[in-house]
Amino acid sequence: MFQAVNHSKFAGDLPRNCTFEESDWRVLSNFWHPVAFAHDVQDKPVKARLLDVDLVVYRTSQGVSVARDICPHRGTKLSAGWVRDDNLVCPMHGLCFDHSGQCTKIPSMPDQSARIPPKMRLYSVLTEEKYGIVWACLSGEPGWPLPEWEGIGNPDLKNIYVPSGTWHAAASRHVENFNDLAHFPFVHGATFGNEEPAPVPLYKVHETDYGLTFDMPYLEGGNRFPDGVEGENREVVYTYELTFPFTTIIHIKPVDSDYVQYFADTVCPVSAHETRIFQVVTDTTDEPDEDFLVKESLMINDEDKGMVEGQHPEDLPLDLTEEIHIPADRISLEYRRALAKKFGLGAPIAS
């Protein structure tokens, strides 16, 4: 019923009922994570959740801002409020906050010219808007850069935004599945997977300044590319570029064509076992077929979702001895090694 008088209110504290180990939360809070599509943040605030922290995303003339979804006055959720006169307005007492989070007006104050204490401000979160996505870093000191997405970042190409969805699975499980080719014939037969399984060629994973990359040839079932090349099945080369911790872009190139599709996938770790998916796709045509690309992407996601949500254990094992591996798992093994060795994720729990 009551909170202890010495309860810490510092912004750096772990969120209440945190589902992450503290050491993992501290590490992940130093990364950029997607929290909203920019086109969804217009004249009303948008609620989001990142690493068990409730956030409000709002737009002013200064751009998009992100803050913890709590009014410093009485703890009201600001995402239930509105934007008026270039300020975020609290729905309970009407306090107004500018793009930086500073309170600019307290309607109930008798003297409206009185100075508002500087501490009456939101806990704002470091924010960037890039590729049509709003990114946030909870620590305020990013330890890793935003991804560099060839194609998606080309202003001459038109980006298509796949409606975001939520998976009841760890972000790392989603990323590992997104970078896995061995499941294509068995999970994606209705979309692009070749129903006749073939061995996955031995491949090399290369470390980059941002993460990991590898190339893989594949014979797709069907012909889904609008490049005028006929044929029932298409030989393609996938180039995967993974940016730590939870972002991947695939360059999809049919071998008999100049056509290229760029498919970017980045995920928000809402909690330890809940993940929100953000995907952006474009191609080298003048006008990508939005209806087809969105429908196909959602179908592929639906094929994957149940499989990933059903994996056990729910947490990605970073001890490589806990699961049995096959040659096609090379990207998975390098990913797990890097998360543990490079960043200290999955550290032993202190007794």
Protein backbone atom coordinates (compact mmCIF):
# COMPACT_ATOMS: atom_id res chain seq x y z
CA MET A 1 0.00 0.00 0.00
CA PHE A 2 2.84 2.41 0.83
CA GLN A 3 6.27 2.84 -0.62
CA ALA A 4 9.23 3.02 1.74
CA VAL A 5 10.46 6.56 2.43
CA ASN A 6 13.96 5.65 1.33
CA HIS A 7 12.83 4.12 -1.97
CA SER A 8 15.22 5.11 -4.71
CA LYS A 9 13.70 7.18 -7.49
CA PHE A 10 16.82 7.46 -9.63
CA ALA A 11 16.24 6.86 -13.32
CA GLY A 12 19.00 4.28 -13.56
CA ASP A 13 17.20 1.79 -11.32
CA LEU A 14 15.91 -1.43 -12.80
CA PRO A 15 12.21 -1.35 -13.69
CA ARG A 16 9.81 -2.87 -11.22
CA ASN A 17 9.25 -6.59 -11.83
CA CYS A 18 12.15 -6.68 -14.27
CA THR A 19 12.13 -9.94 -16.26
CA PHE A 20 15.84 -9.72 -17.15
CA GLU A 21 18.84 -10.61 -15.05
CA GLU A 22 20.25 -7.33 -13.80
CA SER A 23 23.57 -7.76 -15.60
CA ASP A 24 21.79 -8.46 -18.92
CA TRP A 25 19.49 -5.45 -18.45
CA ARG A 26 22.47 -3.17 -17.82
CA VAL A 27 24.21 -4.39 -20.98
CA LEU A 28 21.12 -4.18 -23.20
CA SER A 29 20.25 -0.69 -21.94
CA ASN A 30 23.45 0.54 -23.64
CA PHE A 31 22.18 -0.38 -27.13
CA TRP A 32 19.82 1.39 -29.51
CA HIS A 33 16.47 -0.40 -29.82
CA PRO A 34 13.43 0.34 -32.03
CA VAL A 35 10.35 1.51 -30.14
CA ALA A 36 7.98 2.80 -32.84
CA PHE A 37 7.55 3.46 -36.52
CA ALA A 38 7.96 7.20 -37.09
CA HIS A 39 4.78 7.37 -39.19
CA ASP A 40 2.76 6.14 -36.20
CA VAL A 41 3.89 9.11 -34.08
CA GLN A 42 1.88 12.10 -35.28
CA ASP A 43 -0.53 14.28 -33.29
CA LYS A 44 -1.00 11.86 -30.38
CA PRO A 45 1.48 10.27 -27.99
CA VAL A 46 2.28 6.61 -28.52
CA LYS A 47 3.02 4.14 -25.76
CA ALA A 48 5.90 1.70 -26.00
CA ARG A 49 7.76 -0.70 -23.73
CA LEU A 50 11.48 -1.46 -23.85
CA LEU A 51 13.36 -3.76 -21.45
CA ASP A 52 10.31 -3.69 -19.11
CA VAL A 53 10.35 0.12 -19.08
CA ASP A 54 7.13 1.89 -20.08
CA LEU A 55 7.81 4.72 -22.53
CA VAL A 56 5.86 7.52 -24.17
CA VAL A 57 6.79 8.57 -27.69
CA TYR A 58 5.59 11.99 -28.87
CA ARG A 59 6.24 14.45 -31.66
CA THR A 60 6.71 18.23 -31.49
CA SER A 61 8.08 20.74 -33.98
CA GLN A 62 11.53 19.74 -32.72
CA GLY A 63 11.04 16.14 -33.80
CA VAL A 64 10.28 12.91 -31.96
CA SER A 65 10.96 12.58 -28.23
CA VAL A 66 10.89 9.53 -25.97
CA ALA A 67 10.52 9.57 -22.18
CA ARG A 68 9.50 7.25 -19.40
CA ASP A 69 5.73 7.01 -19.39
CA ILE A 70 5.21 8.63 -16.02
CA CYS A 71 4.37 12.17 -15.01
CA PRO A 72 6.80 13.42 -12.31
CA HIS A 73 3.88 15.06 -10.49
CA ARG A 74 1.63 12.11 -9.58
CA GLY A 75 2.83 9.21 -11.69
CA THR A 76 0.12 9.34 -14.35
CA LYS A 77 0.73 7.62 -17.68
CA LEU A 78 1.50 10.37 -20.16
CA SER A 79 0.70 8.11 -23.12
CA ALA A 80 -2.97 8.63 -22.17
CA GLY A 81 -2.54 12.38 -22.70
CA TRP A 82 -2.28 14.47 -25.84
CA VAL A 83 -0.06 16.91 -27.70
CA ARG A 84 -1.18 20.54 -27.75
CA ASP A 85 0.66 23.78 -28.51
CA ASP A 86 3.84 21.79 -29.18
CA ASN A 87 3.75 20.19 -25.70
CA LEU A 88 2.91 16.79 -24.28
CA VAL A 89 0.01 17.27 -21.88
CA CYS A 90 -0.61 15.09 -18.81
CA PRO A 91 -4.22 13.81 -18.84
CA MET A 92 -4.67 14.14 -15.04
CA HIS A 93 -3.60 17.68 -14.12
CA GLY A 94 -2.73 19.20 -17.48
CA LEU A 95 0.99 19.71 -16.86
CA CYS A 96 2.77 20.47 -20.13
CA PHE A 97 6.18 19.20 -21.21
CA ASP A 98 8.26 20.32 -24.17
CA HIS A 99 10.40 18.26 -26.53
CA SER A 100 13.23 18.07 -23.97
CA GLY A 101 10.89 16.92 -21.20
CA GLN A 102 10.96 20.16 -19.27
CA CYS A 103 7.66 21.24 -17.71
CA THR A 104 6.46 24.46 -19.31
CA LYS A 105 3.10 24.93 -17.64
CA ILE A 106 1.23 23.89 -14.47
CA PRO A 107 -2.39 25.01 -15.03
CA SER A 108 -3.35 24.90 -11.34
CA MET A 109 -0.62 27.34 -10.22
CA PRO A 110 -2.19 30.63 -9.00
CA ASP A 111 0.68 32.64 -10.44
CA GLN A 112 1.24 31.49 -14.00
CA SER A 113 4.36 33.63 -14.22
CA ALA A 114 6.00 31.83 -11.30
CA ARG A 115 9.15 29.87 -12.00
CA ILE A 116 8.64 26.13 -12.54
CA PRO A 117 11.28 24.08 -10.70
CA PRO A 118 13.79 22.53 -13.15
CA LYS A 119 13.33 19.14 -11.48
CA MET A 120 9.72 19.13 -12.72
CA ARG A 121 10.70 17.37 -15.92
CA LEU A 122 10.35 14.01 -17.59
CA TYR A 123 13.03 11.37 -17.57
CA SER A 124 13.77 11.72 -21.26
CA VAL A 125 15.46 8.93 -23.19
CA LEU A 126 18.13 9.38 -25.86
CA THR A 127 16.29 9.22 -29.18
CA GLU A 128 17.11 8.97 -32.89
CA GLU A 129 14.82 8.80 -35.91
CA LYS A 130 16.34 6.81 -38.76
CA TYR A 131 14.97 4.63 -41.58
CA GLY A 132 11.45 5.67 -40.56
CA ILE A 133 11.96 4.08 -37.13
CA VAL A 134 12.20 5.72 -33.70
CA TRP A 135 15.17 4.32 -31.77
CA ALA A 136 15.81 4.71 -28.03
CA CYS A 137 18.77 4.07 -25.73
CA LEU A 138 17.85 3.81 -22.07
CA SER A 139 21.34 4.39 -20.69
CA GLY A 140 21.86 7.65 -22.58
CA GLU A 141 25.33 6.48 -23.58
CA PRO A 142 25.11 4.10 -26.55
CA GLY A 143 27.88 1.54 -26.58
CA TRP A 144 27.11 0.41 -30.14
CA PRO A 145 26.08 2.32 -33.29
CA LEU A 146 22.78 2.25 -35.10
CA PRO A 147 22.74 -0.18 -38.04
CA GLU A 148 23.81 0.92 -41.50
CA TRP A 149 21.23 -0.36 -43.98
CA GLU A 150 22.19 -0.29 -47.63
CA GLY A 151 19.14 0.14 -49.83
CA ILE A 152 16.83 1.05 -46.95
CA GLY A 153 18.90 4.18 -46.44
CA ASN A 154 18.95 5.09 -50.13
CA PRO A 155 16.66 8.13 -50.66
CA ASP A 156 16.12 7.07 -54.29
CA LEU A 157 14.39 3.86 -53.20
CA LYS A 158 10.91 3.67 -51.68
CA ASN A 159 10.68 1.96 -48.30
CA ILE A 160 7.75 -0.29 -47.40
CA TYR A 161 6.90 -0.73 -43.71
CA VAL A 162 5.53 -4.08 -42.60
CA PRO A 163 2.96 -3.68 -39.79
CA SER A 164 4.69 -4.49 -36.53
CA GLY A 165 3.68 -7.50 -34.47
CA THR A 166 4.47 -8.96 -31.08
CA TRP A 167 5.98 -12.39 -30.51
CA HIS A 168 5.94 -14.11 -27.13
CA ALA A 169 9.58 -15.08 -27.43
CA ALA A 170 12.99 -13.72 -26.55
CA ALA A 171 14.41 -11.18 -29.00
CA SER A 172 17.53 -13.32 -29.39
CA ARG A 173 15.43 -16.35 -30.38
CA HIS A 174 13.78 -14.28 -33.11
CA VAL A 175 17.12 -13.01 -34.39
CA GLU A 176 18.62 -16.48 -34.50
CA ASN A 177 15.62 -17.78 -36.45
CA PHE A 178 15.76 -14.84 -38.87
CA ASN A 179 19.39 -15.69 -39.70
CA ASP A 180 18.78 -19.45 -40.10
CA LEU A 181 18.41 -21.00 -43.57
CA ALA A 182 18.07 -24.66 -42.64
CA HIS A 183 14.41 -24.22 -41.67
CA PHE A 184 13.30 -22.75 -45.02
CA PRO A 185 12.11 -25.97 -46.72
CA PHE A 186 10.17 -27.10 -43.67
CA VAL A 187 8.62 -23.85 -42.42
CA HIS A 188 8.32 -21.67 -45.53
CA GLY A 189 7.08 -24.09 -48.19
CA ALA A 190 3.95 -21.99 -48.76
CA THR A 191 5.93 -18.80 -49.43
CA PHE A 192 9.49 -19.04 -50.78
CA GLY A 193 11.08 -22.15 -49.29
CA ASN A 194 12.02 -24.94 -51.68
CA GLU A 195 10.03 -27.97 -50.54
CA GLU A 196 12.82 -30.29 -51.65
CA PRO A 197 15.39 -30.03 -48.83
CA ALA A 198 18.99 -29.68 -49.93
CA PRO A 199 22.13 -29.65 -47.80
CA VAL A 200 23.17 -26.20 -46.56
CA PRO A 201 26.62 -25.46 -48.00
CA LEU A 202 29.46 -24.91 -45.58
CA TYR A 203 29.81 -21.18 -45.17
CA LYS A 204 32.01 -18.69 -43.35
CA VAL A 205 30.80 -16.03 -40.93
CA HIS A 206 32.84 -12.84 -40.91
CA GLU A 207 33.08 -10.36 -38.06
CA THR A 208 32.49 -6.72 -38.98
CA ASP A 209 32.63 -3.38 -37.19
CA TYR A 210 28.91 -3.70 -36.47
CA GLY A 211 28.41 -7.44 -35.99
CA LEU A 212 28.46 -10.47 -38.30
CA THR A 213 27.92 -11.16 -41.99
CA PHE A 214 27.73 -14.17 -44.30
CA ASP A 215 26.65 -15.06 -47.85
CA MET A 216 24.51 -18.03 -48.80
CA PRO A 217 23.23 -19.35 -52.16
CA TYR A 218 19.73 -20.82 -52.18
CA LEU A 219 17.27 -22.22 -54.71
CA GLU A 220 13.95 -20.59 -53.85
CA GLY A 221 10.71 -22.38 -54.52
CA GLY A 222 8.63 -20.26 -56.87
CA ASN A 223 9.41 -16.95 -58.53
CA ARG A 224 8.55 -13.93 -56.40
CA PHE A 225 10.73 -11.26 -58.05
CA PRO A 226 9.28 -8.56 -60.37
CA ASP A 227 12.27 -8.50 -62.72
CA GLY A 228 10.74 -10.07 -65.81
CA VAL A 229 12.84 -13.24 -65.57
CA GLU A 230 10.71 -16.33 -66.07
CA GLY A 231 11.10 -19.61 -64.27
CA GLU A 232 9.42 -21.73 -61.62
CA ASN A 233 12.31 -21.62 -59.15
CA ARG A 234 15.02 -18.99 -58.72
CA GLU A 235 18.66 -19.23 -57.71
CA VAL A 236 19.43 -16.41 -55.31
CA VAL A 237 22.26 -15.26 -53.07
CA TYR A 238 21.39 -13.97 -49.62
CA THR A 239 23.82 -11.60 -47.90
CA TYR A 240 23.07 -11.31 -44.21
CA GLU A 241 24.37 -8.38 -42.16
CA LEU A 242 23.67 -8.68 -38.43
CA THR A 243 24.16 -5.64 -36.19
CA PHE A 244 24.39 -6.49 -32.51
CA PRO A 245 22.30 -7.24 -30.66
CA PHE A 246 18.97 -7.69 -32.50
CA THR A 247 19.09 -6.25 -36.03
CA THR A 248 19.59 -7.90 -39.44
CA ILE A 249 19.32 -6.80 -43.05
CA ILE A 250 19.28 -9.30 -45.92
CA HIS A 251 20.32 -8.41 -49.47
CA ILE A 252 18.40 -10.80 -51.72
CA LYS A 253 19.89 -11.06 -55.22
CA PRO A 254 18.62 -13.41 -57.94
CA VAL A 255 21.72 -14.66 -59.75
CA ASP A 256 20.25 -14.12 -63.24
CA SER A 257 19.09 -10.54 -62.67
CA ASP A 258 20.14 -7.02 -61.66
CA TYR A 259 17.23 -6.89 -59.23
CA VAL A 260 17.98 -6.60 -55.49
CA GLN A 261 15.59 -6.71 -52.55
CA TYR A 262 16.63 -5.28 -49.19
CA PHE A 263 14.80 -6.67 -46.16
CA ALA A 264 15.59 -5.22 -42.73
CA ASP A 265 14.42 -6.76 -39.48
CA THR A 266 14.97 -5.19 -36.07
CA VAL A 267 13.26 -6.04 -32.82
CA CYS A 268 12.42 -4.38 -29.54
CA PRO A 269 12.96 -6.54 -26.45
CA VAL A 270 9.73 -5.52 -24.72
CA SER A 271 10.55 -7.95 -21.92
CA ALA A 272 12.74 -11.01 -21.60
CA HIS A 273 10.15 -13.13 -23.39
CA GLU A 274 8.16 -10.61 -25.43
CA THR A 275 9.43 -9.06 -28.64
CA ARG A 276 8.02 -6.44 -30.99
CA ILE A 277 9.03 -6.81 -34.62
CA PHE A 278 9.87 -3.90 -36.95
CA GLN A 279 10.55 -4.67 -40.62
CA VAL A 280 11.33 -2.43 -43.59
CA VAL A 281 11.68 -3.65 -47.17
CA THR A 282 12.56 -2.02 -50.48
CA ASP A 283 13.91 -3.08 -53.85
CA THR A 284 15.60 -1.66 -56.92
CA THR A 285 12.37 -1.15 -58.86
CA ASP A 286 10.93 2.36 -59.11
CA GLU A 287 7.74 1.33 -57.34
CA PRO A 288 7.92 -1.72 -55.06
CA ASP A 289 4.68 -3.67 -54.93
CA GLU A 290 3.59 -2.69 -51.42
CA ASP A 291 0.54 -4.94 -51.25
CA PHE A 292 2.54 -8.01 -52.29
CA LEU A 293 5.57 -7.29 -50.09
CA VAL A 294 3.49 -6.63 -46.98
CA LYS A 295 1.26 -9.67 -47.52
CA GLU A 296 4.24 -11.94 -48.20
CA SER A 297 6.19 -10.63 -45.19
CA LEU A 298 3.26 -11.16 -42.84
CA MET A 299 2.77 -14.69 -44.18
CA ILE A 300 6.45 -15.50 -43.61
CA ASN A 301 6.27 -14.07 -40.10
CA ASP A 302 3.21 -16.15 -39.31
CA GLU A 303 5.01 -19.28 -40.52
CA ASP A 304 7.90 -18.53 -38.13
CA LYS A 305 6.05 -17.16 -35.13
CA GLY A 306 4.57 -20.36 -33.69
CA MET A 307 7.85 -22.22 -34.12
CA VAL A 308 9.88 -19.58 -32.29
CA GLU A 309 7.31 -19.03 -29.55
CA GLY A 310 7.36 -22.78 -28.88
CA GLN A 311 11.13 -23.11 -28.50
CA HIS A 312 12.49 -24.30 -25.19
CA PRO A 313 14.23 -23.03 -23.19
CA GLU A 314 12.69 -19.62 -23.77
CA ASP A 315 16.05 -17.95 -23.08
CA LEU A 316 18.75 -18.35 -25.72
CA PRO A 317 21.44 -20.69 -24.30
CA LEU A 318 24.78 -18.86 -24.46
CA ASP A 319 26.58 -21.86 -23.01
CA LEU A 320 27.26 -23.73 -26.25
CA THR A 321 27.23 -27.10 -24.47
CA GLU A 322 23.54 -26.78 -23.58
CA GLU A 323 22.29 -27.63 -27.07
CA ILE A 324 23.52 -29.89 -29.87
CA HIS A 325 24.64 -28.10 -33.03
CA ILE A 326 24.87 -28.96 -36.74
CA PRO A 327 27.06 -27.42 -39.49
CA ALA A 328 24.25 -25.11 -40.65
CA ASP A 329 24.34 -23.46 -37.21
CA ARG A 330 27.59 -21.56 -37.79
CA ILE A 331 25.92 -18.12 -37.67
CA SER A 332 24.05 -19.15 -34.53
CA LEU A 333 27.25 -20.27 -32.83
CA GLU A 334 29.11 -17.07 -33.71
CA TYR A 335 26.15 -14.98 -32.58
CA ARG A 336 25.95 -16.73 -29.22
CA ARG A 337 29.72 -16.52 -28.69
CA ALA A 338 29.73 -12.81 -29.42
CA LEU A 339 26.83 -12.00 -27.11
CA ALA A 340 28.62 -13.74 -24.25
CA LYS A 341 32.26 -12.84 -24.91
CA LYS A 342 31.97 -9.41 -26.49
CA PHE A 343 29.24 -7.97 -24.28
CA GLY A 344 29.06 -10.18 -21.21
CA LEU A 345 25.45 -11.19 -21.75
CA GLY A 346 24.36 -14.38 -20.01
CA ALA A 347 26.88 -13.87 -17.22
CA PRO A 348 26.66 -16.34 -14.32
CA ILE A 349 24.15 -15.29 -11.70
CA ALA A 350 25.84 -14.19 -8.48
CA SER A 351 25.01 -16.46 -5.58
